[in-house]
Protein backbone atom coordinates (compact mmCIF):
# COMPACT_ATOMS: atom_id res chain seq x y z
CA MET A 1 0.00 0.00 0.00
CA VAL A 2 1.27 3.45 -0.94
CA ALA A 3 1.11 5.99 1.87
CA THR A 4 -0.73 9.19 1.02
CA THR A 5 0.01 12.59 2.45
CA PRO A 6 -2.99 14.72 3.42
CA THR A 7 -3.21 17.81 1.24
CA THR A 8 -3.75 21.25 2.70
CA PRO A 9 -6.91 22.92 1.33
CA VAL A 10 -6.17 25.79 -1.02
CA HIS A 11 -6.89 29.12 0.68
CA GLU A 12 -9.90 30.81 -0.95
CA GLU A 13 -7.98 34.08 -1.24
CA LYS A 14 -5.82 32.33 -3.87
CA GLN A 15 -8.73 32.72 -6.34
CA TYR A 16 -8.31 36.47 -6.12
CA LEU A 17 -4.50 36.41 -6.30
CA ASP A 18 -4.52 33.97 -9.23
CA LEU A 19 -6.91 36.22 -11.16
CA ILE A 20 -4.66 39.23 -10.62
CA ARG A 21 -1.68 37.22 -11.90
CA THR A 22 -3.66 36.16 -14.98
CA VAL A 23 -4.75 39.73 -15.73
CA LEU A 24 -1.22 41.09 -15.28
CA ASP A 25 0.18 38.40 -17.60
CA THR A 26 -2.53 38.17 -20.26
CA GLY A 27 -4.92 41.14 -19.85
CA ALA A 28 -5.79 43.29 -22.84
CA VAL A 29 -4.49 46.86 -22.72
CA ARG A 30 -7.55 49.10 -22.80
CA PRO A 31 -8.39 52.78 -22.29
CA ASP A 32 -11.03 53.55 -19.68
CA ARG A 33 -13.40 56.27 -18.48
CA THR A 34 -10.93 57.62 -15.91
CA GLY A 35 -8.05 58.05 -18.37
CA THR A 36 -5.74 55.86 -16.27
CA GLY A 37 -5.72 52.82 -18.56
CA THR A 38 -6.24 49.19 -17.59
CA LEU A 39 -5.26 45.59 -18.20
CA SER A 40 -8.55 43.80 -18.68
CA LEU A 41 -10.05 40.31 -18.83
CA PHE A 42 -13.71 39.58 -19.55
CA ALA A 43 -15.83 37.11 -17.56
CA PRO A 44 -13.21 35.16 -15.58
CA PRO A 45 -14.28 32.11 -13.54
CA SER A 46 -16.50 32.91 -10.56
CA PHE A 47 -15.14 33.47 -7.07
CA ARG A 48 -16.65 31.21 -4.40
CA PHE A 49 -16.23 32.04 -0.71
CA SER A 50 -17.55 29.94 2.15
CA LEU A 51 -19.43 31.90 4.82
CA THR A 52 -20.00 28.89 7.08
CA ASP A 53 -18.96 28.96 10.72
CA SER A 54 -19.44 32.77 10.71
CA THR A 55 -16.54 33.24 8.26
CA LEU A 56 -16.01 36.73 6.81
CA PRO A 57 -13.81 36.66 3.66
CA LEU A 58 -11.85 39.79 4.46
CA LEU A 59 -8.70 39.60 2.32
CA THR A 60 -5.51 39.15 4.31
CA THR A 61 -2.67 39.81 1.83
CA LYS A 62 -3.21 43.49 2.59
CA ARG A 63 -5.22 45.26 5.27
CA THR A 64 -8.68 46.20 4.05
CA PHE A 65 -10.66 49.20 5.31
CA LEU A 66 -13.06 47.25 7.52
CA ARG A 67 -14.74 50.27 9.10
CA GLY A 68 -15.39 51.72 5.65
CA ILE A 69 -16.91 48.43 4.46
CA VAL A 70 -19.24 48.30 7.48
CA GLU A 71 -20.33 51.94 7.29
CA GLU A 72 -20.95 51.80 3.54
CA ILE A 73 -23.15 48.68 3.62
CA ILE A 74 -25.24 50.15 6.45
CA TRP A 75 -25.48 53.39 4.43
CA PHE A 76 -26.75 51.34 1.45
CA ILE A 77 -29.26 49.50 3.64
CA HIS A 78 -30.72 52.81 4.83
CA GLY A 79 -31.22 53.95 1.22
CA ALA A 80 -28.88 56.92 1.69
CA THR A 81 -27.39 58.83 -1.24
CA ASP A 82 -25.48 61.62 0.54
CA SER A 83 -21.73 60.92 0.52
CA LYS A 84 -21.23 63.50 3.27
CA GLN A 85 -22.88 61.11 5.75
CA LEU A 86 -19.97 58.73 5.19
CA SER A 87 -17.34 61.44 4.96
CA GLU A 88 -18.34 62.80 8.36
CA LYS A 89 -17.55 59.36 9.80
CA GLY A 90 -14.10 59.40 8.24
CA VAL A 91 -15.11 57.21 5.29
CA LYS A 92 -14.01 59.18 2.23
CA ILE A 93 -14.52 56.52 -0.47
CA TRP A 94 -17.32 58.44 -2.23
CA ASP A 95 -15.83 61.94 -1.88
CA GLY A 96 -14.31 61.95 -5.38
CA ASN A 97 -17.57 60.98 -7.08
CA GLY A 98 -19.54 63.42 -4.94
CA SER A 99 -17.30 66.46 -5.53
CA LYS A 100 -18.79 69.49 -7.27
CA GLU A 101 -16.23 69.14 -10.07
CA PHE A 102 -17.16 65.50 -10.74
CA LEU A 103 -20.91 66.18 -10.60
CA GLU A 104 -20.49 69.02 -13.10
CA LYS A 105 -18.61 66.70 -15.48
CA ARG A 106 -21.54 64.28 -15.24
CA GLY A 107 -24.01 67.07 -16.08
CA LEU A 108 -25.27 67.06 -12.49
CA GLY A 109 -23.87 70.41 -11.40
CA HIS A 110 -27.29 71.53 -10.15
CA ARG A 111 -26.88 69.14 -7.23
CA ARG A 112 -25.15 70.10 -4.04
CA GLU A 113 -21.79 68.53 -3.28
CA GLY A 114 -22.22 64.99 -1.94
CA ASP A 115 -25.59 64.35 -3.60
CA LEU A 116 -24.84 61.22 -5.60
CA GLY A 117 -28.30 60.78 -7.09
CA PRO A 118 -30.30 57.51 -7.06
CA VAL A 119 -27.33 55.16 -6.46
CA TYR A 120 -27.24 51.73 -4.81
CA GLY A 121 -29.21 52.25 -1.60
CA PHE A 122 -31.94 54.26 -3.32
CA GLN A 123 -32.49 51.44 -5.84
CA TRP A 124 -32.46 48.80 -3.10
CA ARG A 125 -35.11 50.58 -1.04
CA HIS A 126 -37.05 52.86 -3.46
CA PHE A 127 -36.71 51.37 -6.96
CA GLY A 128 -38.92 53.30 -9.39
CA ALA A 129 -39.48 56.32 -7.15
CA GLU A 130 -38.79 59.75 -8.67
CA TYR A 131 -35.49 61.08 -7.33
CA GLU A 132 -35.45 64.68 -6.11
CA ASP A 133 -32.37 65.08 -3.93
CA CYS A 134 -30.47 63.34 -1.14
CA GLU A 135 -32.41 65.13 1.62
CA THR A 136 -35.93 64.13 0.50
CA ASP A 137 -37.88 61.59 2.59
CA TYR A 138 -38.76 58.69 0.28
CA SER A 139 -40.65 56.62 2.89
CA GLY A 140 -43.25 54.44 1.20
CA LYS A 141 -42.12 55.42 -2.30
CA GLY A 142 -40.96 52.95 -4.94
CA VAL A 143 -40.28 49.23 -4.49
CA ASP A 144 -38.43 48.19 -1.34
CA GLN A 145 -36.45 45.36 -2.91
CA LEU A 146 -34.46 44.62 0.23
CA LYS A 147 -37.55 44.14 2.40
CA GLU A 148 -39.12 42.01 -0.34
CA CYS A 149 -36.02 39.77 -0.46
CA ILE A 150 -36.18 39.34 3.31
CA ARG A 151 -39.91 38.52 3.15
CA LYS A 152 -39.38 35.89 0.46
CA ILE A 153 -36.49 34.24 2.32
CA LYS A 154 -38.79 33.89 5.34
CA GLU A 155 -42.08 33.07 3.63
CA ASP A 156 -41.26 31.67 0.17
CA PRO A 157 -37.70 30.33 0.37
CA THR A 158 -37.80 28.35 -2.89
CA ASP A 159 -38.71 31.44 -4.93
CA ARG A 160 -36.31 31.94 -7.85
CA ARG A 161 -36.85 35.71 -7.85
CA ILE A 162 -35.12 36.71 -4.62
CA ILE A 163 -33.21 39.43 -6.42
CA LEU A 164 -31.77 42.78 -5.39
CA SER A 165 -30.98 45.03 -8.38
CA ALA A 166 -29.17 48.36 -8.43
CA TRP A 167 -29.26 48.58 -12.25
CA ASN A 168 -32.09 50.89 -13.28
CA PRO A 169 -31.52 52.18 -16.86
CA ALA A 170 -34.02 55.01 -16.42
CA ASP A 171 -32.06 56.42 -13.46
CA ILE A 172 -28.48 55.93 -14.70
CA PRO A 173 -28.25 59.47 -16.19
CA LEU A 174 -29.14 60.82 -12.73
CA MET A 175 -26.41 58.87 -10.90
CA ALA A 176 -22.97 60.26 -10.12
CA LEU A 177 -21.67 56.75 -10.86
CA PRO A 178 -23.66 53.88 -12.39
CA PRO A 179 -23.55 50.73 -10.22
CA CYS A 180 -20.52 48.47 -10.65
CA HIS A 181 -21.97 45.66 -8.52
CA MET A 182 -25.27 45.54 -10.33
CA MET A 183 -27.40 42.84 -8.78
CA CYS A 184 -27.46 39.80 -6.55
CA GLN A 185 -29.67 36.76 -6.12
CA PHE A 186 -30.26 34.89 -2.88
CA TYR A 187 -30.82 31.14 -2.62
CA VAL A 188 -32.13 29.32 0.44
CA HIS A 189 -30.78 25.80 1.01
CA LEU A 190 -33.52 23.93 2.88
CA PRO A 191 -32.51 21.24 5.41
CA PRO A 192 -33.72 17.65 5.01
CA ALA A 193 -37.27 17.13 6.22
CA SER A 194 -35.91 14.48 8.57
CA ASP A 195 -33.76 17.04 10.43
CA SER A 196 -36.14 19.38 12.22
CA SER A 197 -33.34 21.03 14.19
CA ALA A 198 -31.29 22.21 11.19
CA LYS A 199 -31.57 25.84 10.05
CA PRO A 200 -31.94 26.80 6.38
CA GLU A 201 -28.76 28.18 4.83
CA LEU A 202 -28.46 31.32 2.71
CA SER A 203 -26.20 31.84 -0.31
CA CYS A 204 -25.71 34.94 -2.46
CA LEU A 205 -24.68 35.26 -6.11
CA MET A 206 -23.52 38.74 -7.09
CA TYR A 207 -22.80 40.03 -10.60
CA GLN A 208 -20.34 42.91 -11.04
CA ARG A 209 -20.07 44.52 -14.49
CA SER A 210 -16.89 46.48 -13.70
CA ALA A 211 -14.31 45.12 -11.27
CA ASP A 212 -11.30 47.12 -10.07
CA LEU A 213 -9.20 44.22 -8.80
CA GLY A 214 -6.73 46.31 -6.83
CA LEU A 215 -9.00 48.57 -4.75
CA GLY A 216 -12.63 47.69 -5.40
CA ILE A 217 -12.89 43.91 -5.32
CA PRO A 218 -11.44 43.36 -1.81
CA PHE A 219 -14.08 45.84 -0.62
CA ASN A 220 -16.90 44.24 -2.65
CA ILE A 221 -16.16 40.69 -1.51
CA ALA A 222 -16.32 41.68 2.15
CA SER A 223 -19.34 43.95 1.59
CA TYR A 224 -21.57 41.29 0.02
CA ALA A 225 -20.38 38.67 2.50
CA LEU A 226 -21.40 41.05 5.29
CA LEU A 227 -24.76 41.76 3.61
CA THR A 228 -25.43 38.01 3.35
CA HIS A 229 -24.58 37.53 7.03
CA MET A 230 -26.88 40.44 7.95
CA ILE A 231 -29.81 39.09 5.93
CA ALA A 232 -29.22 35.59 7.31
CA HIS A 233 -29.28 37.01 10.84
CA VAL A 234 -32.67 38.73 10.43
CA THR A 235 -34.27 35.81 8.53
CA GLY A 236 -33.31 32.99 10.90
CA THR A 237 -31.03 31.34 8.35
CA THR A 238 -27.29 30.65 8.38
CA ALA A 239 -24.93 32.22 5.85
CA ARG A 240 -23.45 29.53 3.58
CA GLU A 241 -21.68 30.87 0.47
CA LEU A 242 -20.92 34.00 -1.54
CA VAL A 243 -20.44 33.58 -5.29
CA ILE A 244 -19.21 36.53 -7.39
CA GLN A 245 -19.22 36.70 -11.18
CA LEU A 246 -17.21 39.50 -12.74
CA GLY A 247 -17.70 41.09 -16.15
CA ASP A 248 -14.80 43.43 -17.00
CA ALA A 249 -12.13 42.41 -14.47
CA HIS A 250 -9.32 44.92 -14.67
CA VAL A 251 -6.14 46.22 -13.09
CA TYR A 252 -5.42 49.93 -13.36
CA ARG A 253 -1.97 50.56 -14.83
CA ASP A 254 -0.89 52.55 -11.77
CA HIS A 255 -1.74 49.60 -9.47
CA VAL A 256 0.57 47.07 -11.15
CA GLU A 257 3.63 47.68 -8.96
CA ALA A 258 1.61 47.53 -5.72
CA LEU A 259 -0.14 44.33 -6.80
CA GLU A 260 3.18 42.67 -7.60
CA VAL A 261 4.10 43.25 -3.95
CA GLN A 262 0.78 41.81 -2.78
CA LEU A 263 1.22 38.69 -4.91
CA GLN A 264 4.36 37.78 -2.97
CA ARG A 265 2.37 37.42 0.26
CA GLU A 266 0.79 34.26 1.67
CA PRO A 267 -2.85 34.48 2.76
CA LYS A 268 -3.73 34.08 6.43
CA PRO A 269 -6.93 32.62 7.95
CA PHE A 270 -10.11 34.63 7.36
CA PRO A 271 -11.67 36.23 10.45
CA LYS A 272 -15.04 35.42 12.05
CA LEU A 273 -18.11 37.62 12.45
CA ARG A 274 -19.74 37.58 15.89
CA TRP A 275 -23.03 39.27 16.78
CA LYS A 276 -23.37 41.18 20.06
CA ARG A 277 -27.17 41.03 20.11
CA GLU A 278 -30.16 39.62 18.29
CA VAL A 279 -31.66 42.00 15.72
CA GLU A 280 -34.98 41.30 14.00
CA ASP A 281 -35.23 44.24 11.58
CA ILE A 282 -32.35 44.93 9.19
CA ASP A 283 -33.00 48.68 9.52
CA ASP A 284 -32.04 48.42 13.19
CA ILE A 285 -28.55 47.01 12.56
CA THR A 286 -25.74 49.35 13.52
CA SER A 287 -21.97 49.13 13.23
CA GLU A 288 -21.88 48.36 16.97
CA ASP A 289 -23.91 45.15 16.64
CA PHE A 290 -21.10 42.83 15.57
CA VAL A 291 -17.40 42.34 15.96
CA VAL A 292 -14.84 40.87 13.57
CA GLU A 293 -12.52 38.48 15.40
CA GLY A 294 -9.13 37.12 14.37
CA TYR A 295 -8.31 39.52 11.55
CA ASP A 296 -4.49 39.51 11.24
CA PRO A 297 -3.67 40.79 7.74
CA HIS A 298 -0.42 41.77 6.09
CA PRO A 299 0.25 45.55 6.09
CA SER A 300 -1.70 48.00 3.94
CA ILE A 301 -0.58 48.70 0.38
CA ALA A 302 -1.31 52.18 -0.96
CA MET A 303 -3.19 52.37 -4.28
CA LYS A 304 -4.65 55.46 -5.89
CA MET A 305 -8.39 55.51 -6.66
CA SER A 306 -9.22 56.42 -10.25
CA VAL A 307 -12.26 58.73 -10.45
């Protein structure tokens, strides 16, 4: 008998690193909206990240901006469109797209600085409502897609239409930036009828039309993993898996050197997400309700954001 050596499972972060290597080696040189230039690959294989055992796939080969990820997803959930709400909390990720100069270039100079128009959160909570400005109360207006997804997960878990879409062609001219992560679909894995104690499990498939591999994707992976954990928490399910399909996966030319440094690093274990209290309504979740444990990443790597 030939002795076999147990193999170590491949770290899920390797999917991300391998895609960067492929894009750097084989990506097409393409101009882009920002004028920076990219190396691009269309429709690479999907990423798959396990969310079981409270896992949060927060990339470890560089430190990610966890507080920014948390504050932005809660901002989306509340349907907010004012970038100043984030900026006042020290989260500046939308400042460039909300500047007066950028809004004027988009033909939206009539808006005050920080008013991004009907972006992600507005579409999630008020799809189809007429957008006025970021200070208007839209309560009861439009389709609340997020609440409808939560209702279906609870009441009709085998529905094939548990979809959250940020892509609204009618509103795109009004947005400071059209959505990059366009839509996601939730799937409830039902336990065997023979196991009455098992909880249903929740998976999410997200499609992203435009994927900045250096800065954006580490953020987006963690953001949709966190959203899935949040929805699982308020629906009595357990988060199972996040699947991400990219369209235009690209590396900005001025990120190449930094990414070469990142590719030399070995991934570390992903952290865990722990809840401090039970929350029944997703609107009641705050950044104080959970803690991320065991996050021990490599140091940050500076990369410039192209606007």
